[in-house]
Structures are given as structure tokens and as C-alpha cells.
Amino acid sequence: MNRFFTFLGKRLALYLNAPRQDYAGFSVANASILRQHLRPGDVLLVEGNSRISTAIKYLTQSTWSHAALYVGDEGPKSL
């Protein structure tokens, strides 16, 4: 029985992580301009292109499926 659930879980994960065929991505900001204006602590909201992203947006009633926190690109500061 354990093998069955393992198999089923893997198949479900493959299905949900597959990219959507009808997805047309776009960005409201140019990547280089965004890079210039990002500050530590900024939150980036992202719409994913997988089936699981669609499920997340539906279940949370949100436009975005993922969020990222920008912590900066500087190395560790010495004390």
C-alpha cells in the first residue's frame, strides 16, 4: 500500500508542476530597471506558470502565486 501512495504522490506532483499550455507571461518592469530600484526588504510578487500556481491563486483568491523577499546582494558585513 505504501508503494501505491508513493507512486500516486509522485504522479500528482509531476502533473501539478507541469507548465500550463495557455500561459503567456509578461512583466510590468524591465529587469535592469527593477534591479536598480530594489532595496533590501522589498517584496516581489510573482505569478507562476505551473498548474500548482493556478491552484494557489484560486485557493488564496490572489493575483499572485508566489512571493519573494529581497535581502540584498551585498556580502556579509564585518563587525
C-alpha atoms as a PDB file:
ATOM      1  CA  MET A   1       0.000   0.000   0.000  1.00  0.00           C
ATOM      2  CA  ASN A   2       2.892   2.367   0.769  1.00  0.00           C
ATOM      3  CA  ARG A   3       4.278   1.947  -2.770  1.00  0.00           C
ATOM      4  CA  PHE A   4       0.907   2.852  -4.211  1.00  0.00           C
ATOM      5  CA  PHE A   5       0.743   6.135  -2.283  1.00  0.00           C
ATOM      6  CA  THR A   6       4.357   6.934  -3.168  1.00  0.00           C
ATOM      7  CA  PHE A   7       3.600   6.330  -6.844  1.00  0.00           C
ATOM      8  CA  LEU A   8       0.389   8.351  -6.650  1.00  0.00           C
ATOM      9  CA  GLY A   9       2.128  11.240  -4.874  1.00  0.00           C
ATOM     10  CA  LYS A  10       4.922  11.387  -7.450  1.00  0.00           C
ATOM     11  CA  ARG A  11       2.459  11.332 -10.357  1.00  0.00           C
ATOM     12  CA  LEU A  12       0.384  14.078  -8.756  1.00  0.00           C
ATOM     13  CA  ALA A  13       3.495  16.210  -8.175  1.00  0.00           C
ATOM     14  CA  LEU A  14       4.559  15.770 -11.811  1.00  0.00           C
ATOM     15  CA  TYR A  15       1.111  16.795 -13.003  1.00  0.00           C
ATOM     16  CA  LEU A  16       0.841  19.850 -10.748  1.00  0.00           C
ATOM     17  CA  ASN A  17       4.363  21.090 -11.511  1.00  0.00           C
ATOM     18  CA  ALA A  18       3.927  20.860 -15.286  1.00  0.00           C
ATOM     19  CA  PRO A  19       3.782  24.247 -17.034  1.00  0.00           C
ATOM     20  CA  ARG A  20       0.393  25.434 -18.236  1.00  0.00           C
ATOM     21  CA  GLN A  21      -0.002  25.382 -22.011  1.00  0.00           C
ATOM     22  CA  ASP A  22      -2.065  28.586 -22.141  1.00  0.00           C
ATOM     23  CA  TYR A  23       0.313  30.705 -20.036  1.00  0.00           C
ATOM     24  CA  ALA A  24       1.556  33.952 -21.562  1.00  0.00           C
ATOM     25  CA  GLY A  25       3.942  35.636 -19.159  1.00  0.00           C
ATOM     26  CA  PHE A  26       4.557  39.351 -19.018  1.00  0.00           C
ATOM     27  CA  SER A  27       6.406  41.806 -16.846  1.00  0.00           C
ATOM     28  CA  VAL A  28       5.446  45.339 -15.927  1.00  0.00           C
ATOM     29  CA  ALA A  29       9.071  46.243 -15.216  1.00  0.00           C
ATOM     30  CA  ASN A  30      12.276  45.905 -17.163  1.00  0.00           C
ATOM     31  CA  ALA A  31      14.669  43.586 -15.287  1.00  0.00           C
ATOM     32  CA  SER A  32      17.586  46.046 -15.360  1.00  0.00           C
ATOM     33  CA  ILE A  33      15.428  48.911 -14.065  1.00  0.00           C
ATOM     34  CA  LEU A  34      13.976  46.661 -11.373  1.00  0.00           C
ATOM     35  CA  ARG A  35      17.496  45.658 -10.316  1.00  0.00           C
ATOM     36  CA  GLN A  36      18.451  49.336  -9.919  1.00  0.00           C
ATOM     37  CA  HIS A  37      15.480  50.116  -7.674  1.00  0.00           C
ATOM     38  CA  LEU A  38      15.334  47.011  -5.477  1.00  0.00           C
ATOM     39  CA  ARG A  39      16.080  47.661  -1.825  1.00  0.00           C
ATOM     40  CA  PRO A  40      16.565  45.126   0.968  1.00  0.00           C
ATOM     41  CA  GLY A  41      13.181  44.285   2.438  1.00  0.00           C
ATOM     42  CA  ASP A  42      11.260  44.705  -0.823  1.00  0.00           C
ATOM     43  CA  VAL A  43       8.659  42.035  -1.527  1.00  0.00           C
ATOM     44  CA  LEU A  44       8.386  40.746  -5.090  1.00  0.00           C
ATOM     45  CA  LEU A  45       5.055  39.236  -6.127  1.00  0.00           C
ATOM     46  CA  VAL A  46       5.183  36.642  -8.892  1.00  0.00           C
ATOM     47  CA  GLU A  47       2.617  34.762 -10.951  1.00  0.00           C
ATOM     48  CA  GLY A  48       3.861  31.247 -11.664  1.00  0.00           C
ATOM     49  CA  ASN A  49       3.188  29.285 -14.834  1.00  0.00           C
ATOM     50  CA  SER A  50       2.502  25.825 -13.387  1.00  0.00           C
ATOM     51  CA  ARG A  51      -0.776  24.135 -12.511  1.00  0.00           C
ATOM     52  CA  ILE A  52       0.066  24.342  -8.819  1.00  0.00           C
ATOM     53  CA  SER A  53       0.429  28.119  -9.217  1.00  0.00           C
ATOM     54  CA  THR A  54      -3.103  28.253 -10.590  1.00  0.00           C
ATOM     55  CA  ALA A  55      -4.344  26.254  -7.598  1.00  0.00           C
ATOM     56  CA  ILE A  56      -2.521  28.570  -5.163  1.00  0.00           C
ATOM     57  CA  LYS A  57      -4.059  31.655  -6.783  1.00  0.00           C
ATOM     58  CA  TYR A  58      -7.534  30.106  -6.688  1.00  0.00           C
ATOM     59  CA  LEU A  59      -7.323  28.918  -3.093  1.00  0.00           C
ATOM     60  CA  THR A  60      -5.897  32.218  -1.813  1.00  0.00           C
ATOM     61  CA  GLN A  61      -8.069  34.409  -4.085  1.00  0.00           C
ATOM     62  CA  SER A  62      -4.918  36.265  -5.110  1.00  0.00           C
ATOM     63  CA  THR A  63      -3.458  37.563  -8.349  1.00  0.00           C
ATOM     64  CA  TRP A  64      -0.057  36.232  -7.316  1.00  0.00           C
ATOM     65  CA  SER A  65       1.012  32.671  -6.568  1.00  0.00           C
ATOM     66  CA  HIS A  66       4.459  33.307  -5.110  1.00  0.00           C
ATOM     67  CA  ALA A  67       6.246  35.974  -3.101  1.00  0.00           C
ATOM     68  CA  ALA A  68       9.943  36.629  -2.602  1.00  0.00           C
ATOM     69  CA  LEU A  69      11.727  38.839  -0.089  1.00  0.00           C
ATOM     70  CA  TYR A  70      14.766  40.675  -1.433  1.00  0.00           C
ATOM     71  CA  VAL A  71      17.505  40.623   1.203  1.00  0.00           C
ATOM     72  CA  GLY A  72      20.198  42.344  -0.849  1.00  0.00           C
ATOM     73  CA  ASP A  73      23.229  41.354  -2.824  1.00  0.00           C
ATOM     74  CA  GLU A  74      25.967  42.610  -0.521  1.00  0.00           C
ATOM     75  CA  GLY A  75      28.259  40.178   1.214  1.00  0.00           C
ATOM     76  CA  PRO A  76      28.348  39.753   4.968  1.00  0.00           C
ATOM     77  CA  LYS A  77      29.327  42.854   6.913  1.00  0.00           C
ATOM     78  CA  SER A  78      32.257  42.593   9.272  1.00  0.00           C
ATOM     79  CA  LEU A  79      31.739  43.638  12.877  1.00  0.00           C
END
